[in-house]
N, C-alpha and C. Protein backbone atom coordinates (compact mmCIF):
# COMPACT_ATOMS: atom_id res chain seq x y z
N MET A 1 81.70 -45.44 59.52
CA MET A 1 82.85 -44.61 59.16
C MET A 1 82.58 -43.13 59.63
N VAL A 2 83.57 -42.59 60.20
CA VAL A 2 83.48 -41.21 60.61
C VAL A 2 83.98 -40.24 59.55
N GLY A 3 83.35 -39.16 59.31
CA GLY A 3 83.83 -38.18 58.42
C GLY A 3 83.32 -38.27 56.98
N THR A 4 82.36 -39.11 56.71
CA THR A 4 81.84 -39.17 55.45
C THR A 4 80.33 -38.74 55.25
N GLY A 5 79.79 -38.19 56.28
CA GLY A 5 78.35 -37.86 56.31
C GLY A 5 78.11 -36.41 55.68
N THR A 6 77.05 -35.90 56.15
CA THR A 6 76.49 -34.60 55.64
C THR A 6 77.49 -33.47 55.96
N PRO A 7 78.12 -33.38 57.13
CA PRO A 7 79.06 -32.19 57.37
C PRO A 7 80.19 -32.18 56.44
N SER A 8 80.72 -33.32 56.03
CA SER A 8 81.89 -33.35 55.10
C SER A 8 81.54 -32.91 53.79
N LEU A 9 80.27 -32.97 53.39
CA LEU A 9 79.83 -32.55 52.03
C LEU A 9 79.92 -30.96 51.90
N GLY A 10 79.94 -30.28 52.99
CA GLY A 10 80.08 -28.84 52.94
C GLY A 10 81.51 -28.38 52.58
N LYS A 11 82.48 -29.29 52.60
CA LYS A 11 83.85 -28.91 52.30
C LYS A 11 84.13 -29.05 50.79
N LYS A 12 83.18 -29.49 49.99
CA LYS A 12 83.36 -29.65 48.57
C LYS A 12 83.02 -28.46 47.67
N ASN A 13 83.12 -27.29 48.26
CA ASN A 13 82.83 -26.11 47.49
C ASN A 13 84.04 -25.35 47.08
N ARG A 14 85.19 -25.99 47.16
CA ARG A 14 86.45 -25.36 46.76
C ARG A 14 86.83 -25.67 45.33
N ILE A 15 87.51 -24.85 44.59
CA ILE A 15 88.01 -25.22 43.31
C ILE A 15 89.37 -25.84 43.47
N THR A 16 89.53 -27.11 43.07
CA THR A 16 90.80 -27.82 43.21
C THR A 16 91.70 -27.54 42.04
N HIS A 17 91.15 -27.75 40.85
CA HIS A 17 91.95 -27.76 39.64
C HIS A 17 91.56 -26.57 38.78
N ILE A 18 92.52 -25.95 38.08
CA ILE A 18 92.24 -25.04 37.02
C ILE A 18 93.02 -25.43 35.77
N ARG A 19 92.82 -24.66 34.71
CA ARG A 19 93.44 -25.01 33.42
C ARG A 19 95.00 -24.83 33.47
N CYS A 20 95.67 -25.79 33.05
CA CYS A 20 97.13 -25.74 32.98
C CYS A 20 97.65 -24.86 31.93
N ARG A 21 98.63 -24.03 32.12
CA ARG A 21 99.16 -23.19 31.11
C ARG A 21 100.05 -23.88 30.10
N ARG A 22 100.47 -25.09 30.38
CA ARG A 22 101.37 -25.75 29.48
C ARG A 22 100.62 -26.83 28.65
N CYS A 23 99.83 -27.64 29.24
CA CYS A 23 99.07 -28.59 28.50
C CYS A 23 97.64 -28.23 28.14
N GLY A 24 97.10 -27.28 28.89
CA GLY A 24 95.77 -26.77 28.55
C GLY A 24 94.66 -27.59 29.22
N ARG A 25 94.99 -28.73 29.94
CA ARG A 25 93.99 -29.48 30.60
C ARG A 25 93.59 -28.91 31.95
N HIS A 26 92.41 -29.27 32.46
CA HIS A 26 91.80 -28.78 33.69
C HIS A 26 92.47 -29.67 34.75
N ALA A 27 93.75 -29.61 34.92
CA ALA A 27 94.44 -30.49 35.85
C ALA A 27 95.49 -29.87 36.80
N TYR A 28 95.58 -28.46 36.78
CA TYR A 28 96.56 -27.80 37.49
C TYR A 28 96.02 -27.56 38.94
N HIS A 29 96.64 -28.19 40.00
CA HIS A 29 96.22 -28.11 41.28
C HIS A 29 96.61 -26.79 41.89
N ILE A 30 95.65 -25.96 42.43
CA ILE A 30 95.91 -24.61 42.80
C ILE A 30 96.80 -24.64 44.02
N ARG A 31 96.47 -25.48 45.04
CA ARG A 31 97.14 -25.44 46.31
C ARG A 31 98.57 -26.11 46.20
N LYS A 32 98.64 -27.17 45.40
CA LYS A 32 99.97 -27.90 45.25
C LYS A 32 100.83 -27.22 44.23
N LYS A 33 100.14 -26.40 43.40
CA LYS A 33 100.89 -25.73 42.27
C LYS A 33 101.57 -26.73 41.40
N HIS A 34 100.80 -27.78 40.91
CA HIS A 34 101.39 -28.81 40.16
C HIS A 34 100.30 -29.34 39.31
N CYS A 35 100.66 -29.62 38.00
CA CYS A 35 99.72 -30.19 37.07
C CYS A 35 99.62 -31.68 37.19
N ALA A 36 98.50 -32.23 37.30
CA ALA A 36 98.36 -33.76 37.38
C ALA A 36 98.53 -34.38 36.06
N ASN A 37 98.47 -33.66 34.91
CA ASN A 37 98.50 -34.28 33.61
C ASN A 37 99.94 -34.20 33.07
N CYS A 38 100.57 -33.02 33.07
CA CYS A 38 101.88 -32.84 32.38
C CYS A 38 103.02 -32.70 33.43
N GLY A 39 102.73 -32.38 34.68
CA GLY A 39 103.77 -32.23 35.70
C GLY A 39 104.33 -30.86 35.85
N TYR A 40 103.70 -29.88 35.11
CA TYR A 40 104.16 -28.51 35.22
C TYR A 40 104.21 -28.05 36.65
N PRO A 41 105.17 -27.39 37.24
CA PRO A 41 106.25 -26.59 36.59
C PRO A 41 107.50 -27.30 36.42
N HIS A 42 107.56 -28.58 36.49
CA HIS A 42 108.85 -29.35 36.23
C HIS A 42 109.19 -29.24 34.78
N ALA A 43 110.39 -29.21 34.47
CA ALA A 43 110.92 -29.01 33.05
C ALA A 43 110.59 -30.28 32.26
N ARG A 44 110.72 -31.45 32.84
CA ARG A 44 110.46 -32.72 32.21
C ARG A 44 108.96 -33.02 32.17
N LEU A 45 108.46 -33.36 30.96
CA LEU A 45 107.07 -33.69 30.93
C LEU A 45 106.74 -34.99 31.68
N ARG A 46 105.59 -35.04 32.37
CA ARG A 46 105.19 -36.22 33.08
C ARG A 46 104.72 -37.25 32.08
N LYS A 47 105.37 -38.40 32.07
CA LYS A 47 105.00 -39.55 31.22
C LYS A 47 105.46 -40.80 31.76
N PHE A 48 104.62 -41.85 31.79
CA PHE A 48 104.95 -43.18 32.28
C PHE A 48 104.53 -44.20 31.16
N ARG A 49 105.27 -45.35 31.24
CA ARG A 49 105.04 -46.38 30.26
C ARG A 49 103.56 -47.01 30.47
N TRP A 50 103.09 -46.99 31.72
CA TRP A 50 101.87 -47.62 31.94
C TRP A 50 100.63 -46.81 31.47
N GLN A 51 100.94 -45.56 31.00
CA GLN A 51 99.82 -44.72 30.48
C GLN A 51 99.28 -45.27 29.14
N TRP A 52 100.12 -46.00 28.37
CA TRP A 52 99.70 -46.48 27.09
C TRP A 52 99.88 -47.93 27.07
N LYS A 53 99.01 -48.65 26.41
CA LYS A 53 99.02 -50.15 26.29
C LYS A 53 100.20 -50.56 25.32
N GLN A 54 101.07 -51.46 25.81
CA GLN A 54 102.15 -51.92 25.13
C GLN A 54 101.71 -52.90 23.99
N PRO A 55 102.17 -52.89 22.79
CA PRO A 55 101.89 -53.88 21.80
C PRO A 55 102.45 -55.29 22.14
N LEU A 56 101.68 -56.27 21.74
CA LEU A 56 102.08 -57.66 22.00
C LEU A 56 103.22 -58.07 21.09
N THR A 57 103.61 -57.38 20.10
CA THR A 57 104.53 -57.87 19.08
C THR A 57 105.90 -58.13 19.68
N LYS A 58 106.28 -57.36 20.68
CA LYS A 58 107.54 -57.51 21.38
C LYS A 58 107.64 -58.91 22.10
N LEU A 59 106.45 -59.30 22.69
CA LEU A 59 106.38 -60.50 23.48
C LEU A 59 106.35 -61.71 22.58
N ARG A 60 105.86 -61.62 21.40
CA ARG A 60 105.63 -62.76 20.47
C ARG A 60 106.96 -63.12 19.78
N LYS A 61 107.92 -62.20 19.71
CA LYS A 61 109.16 -62.50 18.91
C LYS A 61 109.96 -63.68 19.51
N LYS A 62 110.41 -64.49 18.70
CA LYS A 62 111.20 -65.64 19.15
C LYS A 62 112.59 -65.67 18.46
């Protein structure tokens, strides 16, 4: 594989994420200007159904 050796390790000295002002997690990407946790600066909070395990009670109902 090309690009995974010692020279590429020198590129790992940048700060990618800082603390988000909305959720407080260390997930705000500086260059993208986007939080990986809450989706800031979008008005709607980032949330998906697959983030939480769904209870089996809905599937068992007959």
